[in-house]
Each structure stands twice: as C-alpha cells, then as structure tokens.
Amino acid sequence: MELASTETENLAQTLSREMKAPTEIGSKPESHIKRIAMPPGWKLEERDEEKLLDAPRRKKATIELNDADSFVDYIKRHGSLNSSTIWCIANYKAGDVKFTGILNDHGEDKDAAAWRDHKASFSPEFSEEWNRWVGKNKQPFNQPDFASFIEENLKDIASVDGSPTGAQMLEMALTFEANQDMRFKSAIRLQSGGVQMSFTQDDDAQTIQKMQVFDRFSIGLQVFWNGDAYRIDARLRYRVRDGKLTFWFELIRQDKVLEDATSTLIGQIKEKTGTPFFFGNPFANS
C-alpha cells in the first residue's frame, strides 16, 4: 500500500509540472505588452465582459450622418475643443467629398494619447440635378435623346448674357427632333458664336432646313441637397458620321464649382463647431 501511494504521488507531481499555468515572461510592471509561454495543446482565450457593466468604460462608436446639421450637432454633443478634430478628404476631380469627426482624438499635450475610436462621418449628398448633368457630361446623344434630355432638364438652363435662354434651348431641341430623319448637309459658324446647320431630305435635295446651334450654354443648379445654387457653363459639341449628327456637352470646370460649394460647407462646419479642422486622411497609417 505504501508503494502504491508513493507511485500515485509521483504521478500527480509529474502531471502538475506538465499542466502548470502559463508562464508570463518578458513583461514589465509599467508595460501593457505581456509575453506568455503556453504549454503544447493549450490556447489562450480573451473575454471582454464590459457588456455586463452598468455602463461602458468609455465612449466609442462609428456612425454615419446624413446631413451637415446632424454632423455638427453630434460633434457638439459628444466632442470637446481639447479632444476632438474634424478631417476632410476632398477629391474635386473625382467628385468625392467626405468629413470625419474624431471625438476622442489626441490633444495638444504631446504626452497624452487617446483611443481615436469614437468617430462620426458625413458625405454630403449631391443633388439630383447635379447627378443628372455630371452623369451625362461628355456622353454622346443621338438627336431624339438629346432633345428629350434638354426638355426634361429645361428648368436647369440659366438665362445669362451671351447664353441661350431656356426657351431658345427648348426650340433648338425640338428642331433637332423634327429633323432627326433628315440628312446633315453643312455647318456654318456665325459671328455671334453659334453654328448654323443645314439638313436635307434624302428624297428632295433642294429642301434645306436650317437651325442655329449654340456653342455654349449655362446651367444653374444645386451641388448638394438643400445647398446653394451655382452656375456652370457648358460647351455644346457635335460630330457628323454617315450623314447623322451626334451631340454631347462638356461642363466647364465643374470641379471648381464643387470646390466652391465644399468650401462654403467647410466654413459652416468650422463656424458652428469651433473644432480643429484638417485636410487629409486621419487613418492613413492605421
């Protein structure tokens, strides 16, 4: 019996040595990084039971706002001048604008770090009118499609000196539609800057109809929903192929218009929040 008891004790000691708790090595009292040696076949599990507390230990969130006022109100509600920042990424050529507010950002104290994980973002929504005109920029139209597009968006055409009025553009568009079955014959540039085009019916070469086409026209539209309206000039272009006309328009520096509208929005956000403002990607190296 004594021999059996001794063997049992030896076995227990051996198992105890092989299954001892993980050993913590290479750590320092002031360090948050700890290195742990795990026995073969063991795994280390992490459990965060913060959800069992009455309240989270700190604020953190990632949200998206739908308009500028909501973005401003959220920044003011949860942020502070000492620990919050607002960032703007603006690619005007690509038509991409986005604002990001970091409510728990690093402050001015170089030795005080923050988690930077309470974030609010806002991408201003473009107006329907902006999407229509920019979406069709430099896209070819046949005659009936061009006439239809002008009629559907007639209210956006601005009456300014040196540019056709909405009524004149509509008349031109209807003339295009009326001549869609005619063959293009010639185009003469006028002193006024427009172009006079001649069409002829295939069965009557002597029947020539003329219409005046404008080189340029102007549109006025909101860039962002509920934002200010801006003027954009456009060039009217055409190409003749197999006796048929193809039309398109080219917006002139719409990127500068977008930049101006964004600058207005930036000014409003800065004024209403008073929060430090930066241009760039706040998480470029994350």
C-alpha atoms as a PDB file:
ATOM      1  CA  MET A   1       0.000   0.000   0.000  1.00  0.00           C
ATOM      2  CA  GLU A   2       2.845   2.399   0.751  1.00  0.00           C
ATOM      3  CA  LEU A   3       4.452   1.666  -2.618  1.00  0.00           C
ATOM      4  CA  ALA A   4       1.209   2.370  -4.444  1.00  0.00           C
ATOM      5  CA  SER A   5       0.787   5.582  -2.534  1.00  0.00           C
ATOM      6  CA  THR A   6       4.292   6.714  -3.469  1.00  0.00           C
ATOM      7  CA  GLU A   7       3.720   5.985  -7.171  1.00  0.00           C
ATOM      8  CA  THR A   8       0.463   7.949  -7.082  1.00  0.00           C
ATOM      9  CA  GLU A   9       2.171  10.966  -5.549  1.00  0.00           C
ATOM     10  CA  ASN A  10       4.947  10.841  -8.159  1.00  0.00           C
ATOM     11  CA  LEU A  11       2.372  10.711 -10.975  1.00  0.00           C
ATOM     12  CA  ALA A  12       0.481  13.644  -9.518  1.00  0.00           C
ATOM     13  CA  GLN A  13       3.670  15.692  -9.309  1.00  0.00           C
ATOM     14  CA  THR A  14       4.561  14.861 -12.927  1.00  0.00           C
ATOM     15  CA  LEU A  15       1.110  15.899 -14.188  1.00  0.00           C
ATOM     16  CA  SER A  16       1.282  19.033 -12.111  1.00  0.00           C
ATOM     17  CA  ARG A  17       4.572  20.027 -13.728  1.00  0.00           C
ATOM     18  CA  GLU A  18       3.291  19.338 -17.271  1.00  0.00           C
ATOM     19  CA  MET A  19      -0.043  21.136 -16.813  1.00  0.00           C
ATOM     20  CA  LYS A  20       1.068  24.114 -14.835  1.00  0.00           C
ATOM     21  CA  ALA A  21      -0.417  27.524 -15.621  1.00  0.00           C
ATOM     22  CA  PRO A  22       1.025  29.634 -18.482  1.00  0.00           C
ATOM     23  CA  THR A  23       4.241  31.363 -17.580  1.00  0.00           C
ATOM     24  CA  GLU A  24       4.433  35.093 -18.013  1.00  0.00           C
ATOM     25  CA  ILE A  25       7.835  36.211 -19.291  1.00  0.00           C
ATOM     26  CA  GLY A  26       9.428  39.350 -20.593  1.00  0.00           C
ATOM     27  CA  SER A  27       6.892  41.751 -19.081  1.00  0.00           C
ATOM     28  CA  LYS A  28       7.398  44.869 -17.043  1.00  0.00           C
ATOM     29  CA  PRO A  29       5.101  46.366 -14.411  1.00  0.00           C
ATOM     30  CA  GLU A  30       4.627  49.543 -16.443  1.00  0.00           C
ATOM     31  CA  SER A  31       4.181  47.781 -19.790  1.00  0.00           C
ATOM     32  CA  HIS A  32       0.838  46.855 -21.390  1.00  0.00           C
ATOM     33  CA  ILE A  33       2.528  44.238 -23.574  1.00  0.00           C
ATOM     34  CA  LYS A  34       2.965  40.812 -21.965  1.00  0.00           C
ATOM     35  CA  ARG A  35       4.519  37.679 -23.420  1.00  0.00           C
ATOM     36  CA  ILE A  36       3.129  34.360 -22.235  1.00  0.00           C
ATOM     37  CA  ALA A  37       4.566  30.870 -22.844  1.00  0.00           C
ATOM     38  CA  MET A  38       1.780  28.374 -23.458  1.00  0.00           C
ATOM     39  CA  PRO A  39       2.185  24.602 -22.903  1.00  0.00           C
ATOM     40  CA  PRO A  40       1.653  22.423 -26.018  1.00  0.00           C
ATOM     41  CA  GLY A  41      -2.019  21.985 -26.831  1.00  0.00           C
ATOM     42  CA  TRP A  42      -3.148  24.962 -24.755  1.00  0.00           C
ATOM     43  CA  LYS A  43      -4.854  28.060 -26.130  1.00  0.00           C
ATOM     44  CA  LEU A  44      -5.384  31.471 -24.639  1.00  0.00           C
ATOM     45  CA  GLU A  45      -8.910  32.891 -24.702  1.00  0.00           C
ATOM     46  CA  GLU A  46      -9.874  36.505 -24.166  1.00  0.00           C
ATOM     47  CA  ARG A  47     -13.209  37.507 -22.714  1.00  0.00           C
ATOM     48  CA  ASP A  48     -14.436  41.065 -22.527  1.00  0.00           C
ATOM     49  CA  GLU A  49     -17.269  41.312 -20.031  1.00  0.00           C
ATOM     50  CA  GLU A  50     -17.735  45.071 -20.365  1.00  0.00           C
ATOM     51  CA  LYS A  51     -21.294  44.453 -21.540  1.00  0.00           C
ATOM     52  CA  LEU A  52     -22.114  43.141 -18.064  1.00  0.00           C
ATOM     53  CA  LEU A  53     -21.282  46.506 -16.507  1.00  0.00           C
ATOM     54  CA  ASP A  54     -23.931  49.138 -15.810  1.00  0.00           C
ATOM     55  CA  ALA A  55     -22.260  51.407 -18.387  1.00  0.00           C
ATOM     56  CA  PRO A  56     -19.331  51.181 -20.827  1.00  0.00           C
ATOM     57  CA  ARG A  57     -15.926  52.226 -19.521  1.00  0.00           C
ATOM     58  CA  ARG A  58     -15.711  54.952 -22.191  1.00  0.00           C
ATOM     59  CA  LYS A  59     -17.477  56.234 -25.281  1.00  0.00           C
ATOM     60  CA  LYS A  60     -16.735  54.619 -28.635  1.00  0.00           C
ATOM     61  CA  ALA A  61     -18.760  54.435 -31.849  1.00  0.00           C
ATOM     62  CA  THR A  62     -18.552  54.540 -35.628  1.00  0.00           C
ATOM     63  CA  ILE A  63     -21.544  56.301 -37.144  1.00  0.00           C
ATOM     64  CA  GLU A  64     -22.556  57.968 -40.399  1.00  0.00           C
ATOM     65  CA  LEU A  65     -24.677  61.126 -40.536  1.00  0.00           C
ATOM     66  CA  ASN A  66     -26.928  62.085 -43.444  1.00  0.00           C
ATOM     67  CA  ASP A  67     -26.687  65.872 -43.395  1.00  0.00           C
ATOM     68  CA  ALA A  68     -24.410  68.654 -42.241  1.00  0.00           C
ATOM     69  CA  ASP A  69     -26.645  69.799 -39.379  1.00  0.00           C
ATOM     70  CA  SER A  70     -26.734  66.312 -37.856  1.00  0.00           C
ATOM     71  CA  PHE A  71     -22.953  66.037 -38.203  1.00  0.00           C
ATOM     72  CA  VAL A  72     -22.437  69.379 -36.474  1.00  0.00           C
ATOM     73  CA  ASP A  73     -24.920  68.561 -33.679  1.00  0.00           C
ATOM     74  CA  TYR A  74     -23.254  65.210 -32.968  1.00  0.00           C
ATOM     75  CA  ILE A  75     -19.785  66.780 -32.801  1.00  0.00           C
ATOM     76  CA  LYS A  76     -21.046  69.439 -30.392  1.00  0.00           C
ATOM     77  CA  ARG A  77     -22.952  66.921 -28.269  1.00  0.00           C
ATOM     78  CA  HIS A  78     -20.136  64.421 -27.728  1.00  0.00           C
ATOM     79  CA  GLY A  79     -16.924  66.260 -28.521  1.00  0.00           C
ATOM     80  CA  SER A  80     -14.798  68.944 -26.924  1.00  0.00           C
ATOM     81  CA  LEU A  81     -12.360  71.560 -28.165  1.00  0.00           C
ATOM     82  CA  ASN A  82      -9.495  69.798 -26.406  1.00  0.00           C
ATOM     83  CA  SER A  83     -10.010  66.241 -27.633  1.00  0.00           C
ATOM     84  CA  SER A  84     -11.969  66.405 -30.916  1.00  0.00           C
ATOM     85  CA  THR A  85     -10.891  67.011 -34.509  1.00  0.00           C
ATOM     86  CA  ILE A  86     -12.607  67.178 -37.901  1.00  0.00           C
ATOM     87  CA  TRP A  87     -10.960  65.907 -41.079  1.00  0.00           C
ATOM     88  CA  CYS A  88     -11.885  66.454 -44.717  1.00  0.00           C
ATOM     89  CA  ILE A  89     -10.911  64.370 -47.744  1.00  0.00           C
ATOM     90  CA  ALA A  90     -11.827  66.209 -50.952  1.00  0.00           C
ATOM     91  CA  ASN A  91     -11.100  64.928 -54.446  1.00  0.00           C
ATOM     92  CA  TYR A  92     -12.858  67.536 -56.561  1.00  0.00           C
ATOM     93  CA  LYS A  93     -11.879  65.993 -59.889  1.00  0.00           C
ATOM     94  CA  ALA A  94     -13.368  62.644 -58.898  1.00  0.00           C
ATOM     95  CA  GLY A  95     -16.345  64.306 -57.206  1.00  0.00           C
ATOM     96  CA  ASP A  96     -15.614  62.785 -53.787  1.00  0.00           C
ATOM     97  CA  VAL A  97     -16.032  64.739 -50.523  1.00  0.00           C
ATOM     98  CA  LYS A  98     -16.112  63.244 -47.019  1.00  0.00           C
ATOM     99  CA  PHE A  99     -15.894  64.625 -43.473  1.00  0.00           C
ATOM    100  CA  THR A 100     -14.774  62.606 -40.453  1.00  0.00           C
ATOM    101  CA  GLY A 101     -15.023  63.754 -36.853  1.00  0.00           C
ATOM    102  CA  ILE A 102     -12.878  62.031 -34.220  1.00  0.00           C
ATOM    103  CA  LEU A 103     -14.402  62.722 -30.825  1.00  0.00           C
ATOM    104  CA  ASN A 104     -11.563  61.218 -28.753  1.00  0.00           C
ATOM    105  CA  ASP A 105      -8.534  62.290 -30.775  1.00  0.00           C
ATOM    106  CA  HIS A 106      -5.054  63.068 -29.451  1.00  0.00           C
ATOM    107  CA  GLY A 107      -4.941  66.510 -27.864  1.00  0.00           C
ATOM    108  CA  GLU A 108      -2.297  69.219 -27.825  1.00  0.00           C
ATOM    109  CA  ASP A 109      -0.436  67.583 -24.955  1.00  0.00           C
ATOM    110  CA  LYS A 110       2.287  65.580 -26.700  1.00  0.00           C
ATOM    111  CA  ASP A 111       2.392  63.016 -23.875  1.00  0.00           C
ATOM    112  CA  ALA A 112      -1.372  62.449 -23.690  1.00  0.00           C
ATOM    113  CA  ALA A 113      -2.665  59.812 -26.111  1.00  0.00           C
ATOM    114  CA  ALA A 114      -6.278  58.906 -26.895  1.00  0.00           C
ATOM    115  CA  TRP A 115      -8.012  55.914 -28.411  1.00  0.00           C
ATOM    116  CA  ARG A 116      -9.390  57.669 -31.554  1.00  0.00           C
ATOM    117  CA  ASP A 117     -12.214  55.163 -31.851  1.00  0.00           C
ATOM    118  CA  HIS A 118     -15.257  57.413 -31.396  1.00  0.00           C
ATOM    119  CA  LYS A 119     -15.900  58.529 -34.973  1.00  0.00           C
ATOM    120  CA  ALA A 120     -18.639  60.306 -36.907  1.00  0.00           C
ATOM    121  CA  SER A 121     -18.586  60.649 -40.698  1.00  0.00           C
ATOM    122  CA  PHE A 122     -20.600  62.656 -43.194  1.00  0.00           C
ATOM    123  CA  SER A 123     -20.525  62.560 -47.003  1.00  0.00           C
ATOM    124  CA  PRO A 124     -22.643  65.379 -48.468  1.00  0.00           C
ATOM    125  CA  GLU A 125     -25.249  64.067 -50.868  1.00  0.00           C
ATOM    126  CA  PHE A 126     -25.247  65.540 -54.352  1.00  0.00           C
ATOM    127  CA  SER A 127     -28.483  66.975 -55.704  1.00  0.00           C
ATOM    128  CA  GLU A 128     -30.444  65.108 -58.351  1.00  0.00           C
ATOM    129  CA  GLU A 129     -29.771  67.915 -60.831  1.00  0.00           C
ATOM    130  CA  TRP A 130     -26.011  67.685 -60.252  1.00  0.00           C
ATOM    131  CA  ASN A 131     -26.076  63.914 -60.737  1.00  0.00           C
ATOM    132  CA  ARG A 132     -28.024  64.225 -63.976  1.00  0.00           C
ATOM    133  CA  TRP A 133     -25.770  66.773 -65.671  1.00  0.00           C
ATOM    134  CA  VAL A 134     -22.465  65.425 -64.364  1.00  0.00           C
ATOM    135  CA  GLY A 135     -23.575  61.886 -65.162  1.00  0.00           C
ATOM    136  CA  LYS A 136     -24.191  62.814 -68.807  1.00  0.00           C
ATOM    137  CA  ASN A 137     -21.111  65.025 -69.159  1.00  0.00           C
ATOM    138  CA  LYS A 138     -19.258  64.188 -72.408  1.00  0.00           C
ATOM    139  CA  GLN A 139     -21.694  61.354 -73.138  1.00  0.00           C
ATOM    140  CA  PRO A 140     -22.914  61.151 -76.768  1.00  0.00           C
ATOM    141  CA  PHE A 141     -26.597  61.615 -77.651  1.00  0.00           C
ATOM    142  CA  ASN A 142     -28.434  60.931 -80.858  1.00  0.00           C
ATOM    143  CA  GLN A 143     -30.847  63.642 -81.924  1.00  0.00           C
ATOM    144  CA  PRO A 144     -34.059  62.411 -80.214  1.00  0.00           C
ATOM    145  CA  ASP A 145     -32.248  61.513 -76.983  1.00  0.00           C
ATOM    146  CA  PHE A 146     -30.600  64.915 -76.832  1.00  0.00           C
ATOM    147  CA  ALA A 147     -33.951  66.649 -77.380  1.00  0.00           C
ATOM    148  CA  SER A 148     -35.517  64.547 -74.626  1.00  0.00           C
ATOM    149  CA  PHE A 149     -32.702  65.328 -72.179  1.00  0.00           C
ATOM    150  CA  ILE A 150     -32.970  69.087 -72.785  1.00  0.00           C
ATOM    151  CA  GLU A 151     -36.744  69.019 -72.308  1.00  0.00           C
ATOM    152  CA  GLU A 152     -36.536  67.010 -69.083  1.00  0.00           C
ATOM    153  CA  ASN A 153     -33.950  69.352 -67.581  1.00  0.00           C
ATOM    154  CA  LEU A 154     -35.070  72.618 -69.088  1.00  0.00           C
ATOM    155  CA  LYS A 155     -35.536  74.315 -65.706  1.00  0.00           C
ATOM    156  CA  ASP A 156     -31.792  73.999 -65.036  1.00  0.00           C
ATOM    157  CA  ILE A 157     -30.804  76.134 -68.038  1.00  0.00           C
ATOM    158  CA  ALA A 158     -29.862  79.627 -66.839  1.00  0.00           C
ATOM    159  CA  SER A 159     -30.651  82.804 -68.737  1.00  0.00           C
ATOM    160  CA  VAL A 160     -27.427  84.817 -68.676  1.00  0.00           C
ATOM    161  CA  ASP A 161     -25.930  87.311 -71.103  1.00  0.00           C
ATOM    162  CA  GLY A 162     -24.276  85.627 -74.067  1.00  0.00           C
ATOM    163  CA  SER A 163     -26.015  82.291 -73.489  1.00  0.00           C
ATOM    164  CA  PRO A 164     -29.297  80.960 -74.862  1.00  0.00           C
ATOM    165  CA  THR A 165     -32.392  81.104 -72.724  1.00  0.00           C
ATOM    166  CA  GLY A 166     -34.320  78.046 -71.694  1.00  0.00           C
ATOM    167  CA  ALA A 167     -36.932  78.790 -74.365  1.00  0.00           C
ATOM    168  CA  GLN A 168     -34.246  79.012 -77.050  1.00  0.00           C
ATOM    169  CA  MET A 169     -32.676  75.742 -75.916  1.00  0.00           C
ATOM    170  CA  LEU A 170     -36.106  74.088 -75.994  1.00  0.00           C
ATOM    171  CA  GLU A 171     -36.739  75.416 -79.511  1.00  0.00           C
ATOM    172  CA  MET A 172     -33.362  74.112 -80.604  1.00  0.00           C
ATOM    173  CA  ALA A 173     -34.046  70.722 -79.034  1.00  0.00           C
ATOM    174  CA  LEU A 174     -37.422  70.452 -80.770  1.00  0.00           C
ATOM    175  CA  THR A 175     -35.809  71.412 -84.062  1.00  0.00           C
ATOM    176  CA  PHE A 176     -33.318  68.610 -83.595  1.00  0.00           C
ATOM    177  CA  GLU A 177     -36.192  66.212 -83.024  1.00  0.00           C
ATOM    178  CA  ALA A 178     -38.083  67.441 -86.062  1.00  0.00           C
ATOM    179  CA  ASN A 179     -35.002  66.905 -88.262  1.00  0.00           C
ATOM    180  CA  GLN A 180     -33.975  63.504 -86.947  1.00  0.00           C
ATOM    181  CA  ASP A 181     -34.982  61.839 -90.238  1.00  0.00           C
ATOM    182  CA  MET A 182     -33.081  64.362 -92.317  1.00  0.00           C
ATOM    183  CA  ARG A 183     -29.504  64.120 -93.536  1.00  0.00           C
ATOM    184  CA  PHE A 184     -26.943  66.608 -92.327  1.00  0.00           C
ATOM    185  CA  LYS A 185     -25.566  68.791 -95.152  1.00  0.00           C
ATOM    186  CA  SER A 186     -23.367  71.580 -93.750  1.00  0.00           C
ATOM    187  CA  ALA A 187     -22.494  73.755 -90.768  1.00  0.00           C
ATOM    188  CA  ILE A 188     -21.513  77.423 -90.845  1.00  0.00           C
ATOM    189  CA  ARG A 189     -20.099  79.249 -87.834  1.00  0.00           C
ATOM    190  CA  LEU A 190     -21.826  82.574 -87.201  1.00  0.00           C
ATOM    191  CA  GLN A 191     -20.324  85.804 -85.894  1.00  0.00           C
ATOM    192  CA  SER A 192     -22.500  85.525 -82.798  1.00  0.00           C
ATOM    193  CA  GLY A 193     -20.599  82.400 -81.835  1.00  0.00           C
ATOM    194  CA  GLY A 194     -23.299  79.925 -82.760  1.00  0.00           C
ATOM    195  CA  VAL A 195     -23.412  77.408 -85.590  1.00  0.00           C
ATOM    196  CA  GLN A 196     -25.970  77.309 -88.412  1.00  0.00           C
ATOM    197  CA  MET A 197     -26.629  73.772 -89.616  1.00  0.00           C
ATOM    198  CA  SER A 198     -28.301  72.705 -92.826  1.00  0.00           C
ATOM    199  CA  PHE A 199     -30.282  69.500 -93.342  1.00  0.00           C
ATOM    200  CA  THR A 200     -31.741  67.973 -96.452  1.00  0.00           C
ATOM    201  CA  GLN A 201     -34.274  65.218 -97.008  1.00  0.00           C
ATOM    202  CA  ASP A 202     -32.978  62.264 -98.974  1.00  0.00           C
ATOM    203  CA  ASP A 203     -35.898  62.395-101.413  1.00  0.00           C
ATOM    204  CA  ASP A 204     -35.619  66.121-102.029  1.00  0.00           C
ATOM    205  CA  ALA A 205     -32.080  67.501-102.210  1.00  0.00           C
ATOM    206  CA  GLN A 206     -33.438  71.008-102.763  1.00  0.00           C
ATOM    207  CA  THR A 207     -35.288  71.050 -99.465  1.00  0.00           C
ATOM    208  CA  ILE A 208     -32.912  72.523 -96.926  1.00  0.00           C
ATOM    209  CA  GLN A 209     -33.805  73.406 -93.382  1.00  0.00           C
ATOM    210  CA  LYS A 210     -31.530  75.434 -91.230  1.00  0.00           C
ATOM    211  CA  MET A 211     -31.233  75.784 -87.475  1.00  0.00           C
ATOM    212  CA  GLN A 212     -28.911  77.654 -85.199  1.00  0.00           C
ATOM    213  CA  VAL A 213     -26.917  75.757 -82.576  1.00  0.00           C
ATOM    214  CA  PHE A 214     -25.232  77.480 -79.668  1.00  0.00           C
ATOM    215  CA  ASP A 215     -21.607  76.791 -78.889  1.00  0.00           C
ATOM    216  CA  ARG A 216     -22.168  77.385 -75.191  1.00  0.00           C
ATOM    217  CA  PHE A 217     -24.980  77.461 -72.698  1.00  0.00           C
ATOM    218  CA  SER A 218     -25.209  77.833 -68.927  1.00  0.00           C
ATOM    219  CA  ILE A 219     -26.964  75.852 -66.251  1.00  0.00           C
ATOM    220  CA  GLY A 220     -27.779  76.759 -62.660  1.00  0.00           C
ATOM    221  CA  LEU A 221     -28.173  74.025 -60.084  1.00  0.00           C
ATOM    222  CA  GLN A 222     -27.540  72.995 -56.518  1.00  0.00           C
ATOM    223  CA  VAL A 223     -24.391  70.996 -55.962  1.00  0.00           C
ATOM    224  CA  PHE A 224     -25.573  69.440 -52.673  1.00  0.00           C
ATOM    225  CA  TRP A 225     -29.091  68.772 -51.451  1.00  0.00           C
ATOM    226  CA  ASN A 226     -30.512  71.906 -49.810  1.00  0.00           C
ATOM    227  CA  GLY A 227     -27.339  73.774 -50.719  1.00  0.00           C
ATOM    228  CA  ASP A 228     -26.699  76.946 -52.693  1.00  0.00           C
ATOM    229  CA  ALA A 229     -27.175  77.022 -56.470  1.00  0.00           C
ATOM    230  CA  TYR A 230     -24.188  77.612 -58.738  1.00  0.00           C
ATOM    231  CA  ARG A 231     -23.708  78.482 -62.381  1.00  0.00           C
ATOM    232  CA  ILE A 232     -21.851  76.058 -64.635  1.00  0.00           C
ATOM    233  CA  ASP A 233     -21.026  76.845 -68.258  1.00  0.00           C
ATOM    234  CA  ALA A 234     -21.074  74.083 -70.863  1.00  0.00           C
ATOM    235  CA  ARG A 235     -19.824  73.661 -74.417  1.00  0.00           C
ATOM    236  CA  LEU A 236     -22.131  72.090 -76.972  1.00  0.00           C
ATOM    237  CA  ARG A 237     -20.320  69.711 -79.318  1.00  0.00           C
ATOM    238  CA  TYR A 238     -21.396  67.657 -82.316  1.00  0.00           C
ATOM    239  CA  ARG A 239     -19.985  65.080 -84.720  1.00  0.00           C
ATOM    240  CA  VAL A 240     -21.165  64.115 -88.181  1.00  0.00           C
ATOM    241  CA  ARG A 241     -20.951  60.483 -89.230  1.00  0.00           C
ATOM    242  CA  ASP A 242     -22.751  58.881 -92.178  1.00  0.00           C
ATOM    243  CA  GLY A 243     -24.896  61.964 -92.521  1.00  0.00           C
ATOM    244  CA  LYS A 244     -26.120  61.697 -88.932  1.00  0.00           C
ATOM    245  CA  LEU A 245     -25.418  64.063 -86.056  1.00  0.00           C
ATOM    246  CA  THR A 246     -24.258  63.091 -82.591  1.00  0.00           C
ATOM    247  CA  PHE A 247     -24.385  65.694 -79.813  1.00  0.00           C
ATOM    248  CA  TRP A 248     -22.779  65.976 -76.403  1.00  0.00           C
ATOM    249  CA  PHE A 249     -21.969  68.705 -73.913  1.00  0.00           C
ATOM    250  CA  GLU A 250     -18.834  69.376 -71.891  1.00  0.00           C
ATOM    251  CA  LEU A 251     -19.189  71.014 -68.489  1.00  0.00           C
ATOM    252  CA  ILE A 252     -16.507  73.635 -67.983  1.00  0.00           C
ATOM    253  CA  ARG A 253     -14.536  73.086 -64.750  1.00  0.00           C
ATOM    254  CA  GLN A 254     -17.326  71.599 -62.684  1.00  0.00           C
ATOM    255  CA  ASP A 255     -14.567  70.611 -60.244  1.00  0.00           C
ATOM    256  CA  LYS A 256     -14.091  74.298 -59.347  1.00  0.00           C
ATOM    257  CA  VAL A 257     -17.814  74.624 -58.726  1.00  0.00           C
ATOM    258  CA  LEU A 258     -17.682  71.589 -56.437  1.00  0.00           C
ATOM    259  CA  GLU A 259     -14.673  73.094 -54.658  1.00  0.00           C
ATOM    260  CA  ASP A 260     -16.538  76.357 -54.086  1.00  0.00           C
ATOM    261  CA  ALA A 261     -19.627  74.551 -52.742  1.00  0.00           C
ATOM    262  CA  THR A 262     -17.447  72.419 -50.463  1.00  0.00           C
ATOM    263  CA  SER A 263     -15.597  75.496 -49.186  1.00  0.00           C
ATOM    264  CA  THR A 264     -18.938  77.009 -48.205  1.00  0.00           C
ATOM    265  CA  LEU A 265     -19.848  73.815 -46.341  1.00  0.00           C
ATOM    266  CA  ILE A 266     -16.453  73.721 -44.627  1.00  0.00           C
ATOM    267  CA  GLY A 267     -16.921  77.298 -43.451  1.00  0.00           C
ATOM    268  CA  GLN A 268     -20.286  76.443 -41.942  1.00  0.00           C
ATOM    269  CA  ILE A 269     -18.921  73.378 -40.114  1.00  0.00           C
ATOM    270  CA  LYS A 270     -15.944  75.310 -38.756  1.00  0.00           C
ATOM    271  CA  GLU A 271     -18.099  78.186 -37.552  1.00  0.00           C
ATOM    272  CA  LYS A 272     -20.742  76.032 -35.881  1.00  0.00           C
ATOM    273  CA  THR A 273     -18.398  73.569 -34.148  1.00  0.00           C
ATOM    274  CA  GLY A 274     -15.227  75.577 -33.482  1.00  0.00           C
ATOM    275  CA  THR A 275     -13.391  72.240 -33.666  1.00  0.00           C
ATOM    276  CA  PRO A 276      -9.825  71.990 -35.045  1.00  0.00           C
ATOM    277  CA  PHE A 277     -10.073  71.228 -38.765  1.00  0.00           C
ATOM    278  CA  PHE A 278      -7.625  69.343 -41.003  1.00  0.00           C
ATOM    279  CA  PHE A 279      -7.458  68.204 -44.622  1.00  0.00           C
ATOM    280  CA  GLY A 280      -6.333  64.612 -45.130  1.00  0.00           C
ATOM    281  CA  ASN A 281      -6.941  61.016 -44.109  1.00  0.00           C
ATOM    282  CA  PRO A 282      -6.956  60.653 -40.302  1.00  0.00           C
ATOM    283  CA  PHE A 283      -6.374  56.885 -40.514  1.00  0.00           C
ATOM    284  CA  ALA A 284      -3.854  56.675 -43.364  1.00  0.00           C
ATOM    285  CA  ASN A 285      -1.414  54.594 -41.304  1.00  0.00           C
ATOM    286  CA  SER A 286      -3.946  52.610 -39.288  1.00  0.00           C
END
